[in-house]
N, C-alpha and C. Protein backbone atom coordinates (compact mmCIF):
# COMPACT_ATOMS: atom_id res chain seq x y z
N UNK A 1 6.95 7.15 -11.25
CA UNK A 1 8.26 8.36 -11.28
C UNK A 1 7.87 9.43 -10.72
N UNK A 2 6.58 10.25 -11.41
CA UNK A 2 5.81 10.90 -10.97
C UNK A 2 6.06 11.26 -9.44
N UNK A 3 5.75 9.88 -7.89
CA UNK A 3 5.42 9.72 -7.23
C UNK A 3 6.76 10.25 -6.39
N UNK A 4 7.46 9.83 -7.56
CA UNK A 4 9.08 9.76 -6.42
C UNK A 4 9.51 11.70 -6.70
N UNK A 5 8.79 12.55 -7.67
CA UNK A 5 9.39 13.75 -7.59
C UNK A 5 8.05 14.25 -7.44
N UNK A 6 6.55 14.06 -7.35
CA UNK A 6 5.39 15.07 -6.50
C UNK A 6 5.13 14.81 -5.75
N UNK A 7 4.12 14.80 -4.98
CA UNK A 7 3.18 14.49 -4.45
C UNK A 7 1.95 14.09 -4.61
N UNK A 8 1.61 12.79 -3.68
CA UNK A 8 0.12 12.35 -4.66
C UNK A 8 -0.42 13.56 -5.51
N UNK A 9 -0.96 14.16 -4.59
CA UNK A 9 -2.45 14.71 -4.64
C UNK A 9 -2.25 15.59 -6.03
N UNK A 10 -0.97 16.03 -6.17
CA UNK A 10 -0.37 16.91 -7.35
C UNK A 10 -0.39 16.03 -8.47
N UNK A 11 0.16 14.87 -9.08
CA UNK A 11 -0.40 13.90 -9.54
C UNK A 11 -1.26 13.48 -9.55
N UNK A 12 -1.88 12.76 -8.54
CA UNK A 12 -3.78 13.11 -8.99
C UNK A 12 -4.19 14.02 -10.03
N UNK A 13 -3.65 16.07 -9.88
CA UNK A 13 -4.62 17.09 -10.35
C UNK A 13 -4.14 16.89 -11.63
N UNK A 14 -3.02 17.02 -11.80
CA UNK A 14 -2.22 16.32 -13.31
C UNK A 14 -3.46 15.06 -13.90
N UNK A 15 -3.02 13.97 -13.42
CA UNK A 15 -3.90 13.65 -13.85
C UNK A 15 -5.26 13.47 -13.92
N UNK A 16 -6.01 14.24 -13.79
CA UNK A 16 -7.91 14.66 -13.69
C UNK A 16 -7.50 16.10 -14.67
N UNK A 17 -6.44 16.30 -14.96
CA UNK A 17 -7.12 17.71 -15.71
C UNK A 17 -6.14 16.92 -17.33
N UNK A 18 -5.52 15.90 -17.63
CA UNK A 18 -5.02 15.30 -18.62
C UNK A 18 -6.32 14.58 -19.23
N UNK A 19 -7.66 13.53 -18.05
CA UNK A 19 -8.38 13.36 -18.68
C UNK A 19 -9.64 14.20 -18.45
N UNK A 20 -9.68 15.10 -18.65
CA UNK A 20 -10.58 16.44 -19.19
C UNK A 20 -10.63 16.40 -20.10
N UNK A 21 -9.01 16.74 -20.49
CA UNK A 21 -8.23 17.61 -22.37
C UNK A 21 -8.86 16.11 -22.76
N UNK A 22 -8.05 15.38 -22.81
CA UNK A 22 -8.85 14.23 -23.40
C UNK A 22 -10.40 13.55 -23.70
N UNK A 23 -11.33 13.26 -22.31
CA UNK A 23 -12.62 13.74 -22.90
C UNK A 23 -13.53 15.17 -23.20
N UNK A 24 -12.00 16.37 -23.20
CA UNK A 24 -12.70 16.80 -23.72
C UNK A 24 -12.43 16.61 -26.35
N UNK A 25 -12.30 16.24 -25.96
CA UNK A 25 -11.44 16.56 -28.00
C UNK A 25 -12.42 15.35 -28.74
N UNK A 26 -13.65 15.26 -27.60
CA UNK A 26 -15.26 14.19 -28.12
C UNK A 26 -14.79 12.80 -29.16
N UNK A 27 -13.41 12.33 -28.46
CA UNK A 27 -13.37 10.89 -28.96
C UNK A 27 -14.68 10.00 -27.91
N UNK A 28 -15.15 9.21 -28.08
CA UNK A 28 -14.89 8.49 -27.59
C UNK A 28 -14.96 7.44 -26.66
N UNK A 29 -14.38 6.50 -28.36
CA UNK A 29 -14.00 5.52 -28.56
C UNK A 29 -12.41 5.00 -28.00
N UNK A 30 -11.88 4.15 -26.47
CA UNK A 30 -10.78 3.83 -25.98
C UNK A 30 -8.90 3.64 -27.42
N UNK A 31 -9.53 2.42 -28.51
CA UNK A 31 -8.81 2.42 -29.40
C UNK A 31 -8.39 3.79 -30.54
N UNK A 32 -9.24 4.74 -30.29
CA UNK A 32 -8.61 6.64 -31.19
C UNK A 32 -7.96 7.18 -30.16
N UNK A 33 -8.36 6.89 -28.45
CA UNK A 33 -7.44 7.61 -27.27
C UNK A 33 -6.45 7.21 -27.45
N UNK A 34 -5.97 5.42 -27.34
CA UNK A 34 -5.00 4.94 -27.33
C UNK A 34 -3.92 5.30 -28.86
N UNK A 35 -4.75 5.41 -29.52
CA UNK A 35 -3.98 5.47 -31.34
C UNK A 35 -3.35 7.20 -30.82
N UNK A 36 -4.43 7.93 -30.39
CA UNK A 36 -3.72 8.87 -30.38
C UNK A 36 -2.77 9.70 -29.62
N UNK A 37 -2.51 8.63 -28.44
CA UNK A 37 -1.83 8.90 -27.35
C UNK A 37 -0.83 8.31 -28.32
N UNK A 38 -0.34 7.12 -28.66
CA UNK A 38 0.84 6.57 -29.21
C UNK A 38 1.18 7.58 -30.00
N UNK A 39 0.81 8.31 -31.21
CA UNK A 39 1.04 9.18 -32.25
C UNK A 39 1.56 10.56 -31.49
N UNK A 40 1.44 11.35 -30.39
CA UNK A 40 1.58 12.33 -30.06
C UNK A 40 3.10 11.40 -29.15
N UNK A 41 3.38 10.44 -28.61
CA UNK A 41 4.20 9.84 -28.00
C UNK A 41 5.39 9.26 -29.88
N UNK A 42 4.99 8.96 -31.14
CA UNK A 42 5.80 8.62 -32.14
C UNK A 42 6.02 9.84 -32.69
N UNK A 43 5.61 10.90 -32.52
CA UNK A 43 5.90 12.57 -33.46
C UNK A 43 6.66 13.65 -31.86
N UNK A 44 7.52 12.02 -30.86
CA UNK A 44 8.36 13.04 -30.45
C UNK A 44 8.13 14.28 -29.38
N UNK A 45 6.37 13.72 -28.76
CA UNK A 45 5.38 15.26 -27.95
C UNK A 45 5.55 16.22 -28.76
N UNK A 46 5.60 16.23 -29.70
CA UNK A 46 5.60 17.66 -30.67
C UNK A 46 4.64 18.86 -30.10
N UNK A 47 3.12 18.03 -29.43
CA UNK A 47 2.20 19.13 -29.10
C UNK A 47 2.88 19.85 -27.88
N UNK A 48 4.05 19.02 -27.48
CA UNK A 48 3.95 19.84 -26.21
C UNK A 48 3.75 21.52 -25.46
N UNK A 49 3.63 22.47 -25.65
CA UNK A 49 3.21 23.63 -25.87
C UNK A 49 1.52 24.17 -25.90
N UNK A 50 0.93 22.90 -26.38
CA UNK A 50 -0.18 23.25 -27.25
C UNK A 50 -0.86 22.75 -25.65
N UNK A 51 -0.05 21.31 -25.31
CA UNK A 51 -0.75 20.83 -24.19
C UNK A 51 -0.44 21.51 -22.41
N UNK A 52 0.88 22.14 -22.83
CA UNK A 52 1.22 23.37 -21.60
C UNK A 52 0.08 24.03 -21.64
N UNK A 53 0.09 25.07 -22.46
CA UNK A 53 -0.75 25.64 -23.12
C UNK A 53 -2.33 25.49 -22.58
N UNK A 54 -2.85 24.74 -22.74
CA UNK A 54 -4.18 24.32 -22.42
C UNK A 54 -4.28 23.81 -20.79
N UNK A 55 -3.48 23.65 -20.40
CA UNK A 55 -3.21 23.59 -19.06
C UNK A 55 -3.23 24.78 -18.02
N UNK A 56 -2.34 25.30 -18.35
CA UNK A 56 -2.72 27.10 -18.48
C UNK A 56 -3.32 28.19 -18.28
N UNK A 57 -4.25 27.60 -18.96
CA UNK A 57 -5.63 27.97 -19.49
C UNK A 57 -6.66 28.23 -18.69
């Protein structure tokens, strides 16, 4: 759905920033990254403002 609302370059830039953020968490194991993503989604994206602040910085 992102591609319908944004240019490919924009989606790629956002995805790159998300990957940088995840990699900076120090999580090496892919299973742990998946668990973090699932927990974030299940918690109703309560950390959304934290993520926005990180991207804005």
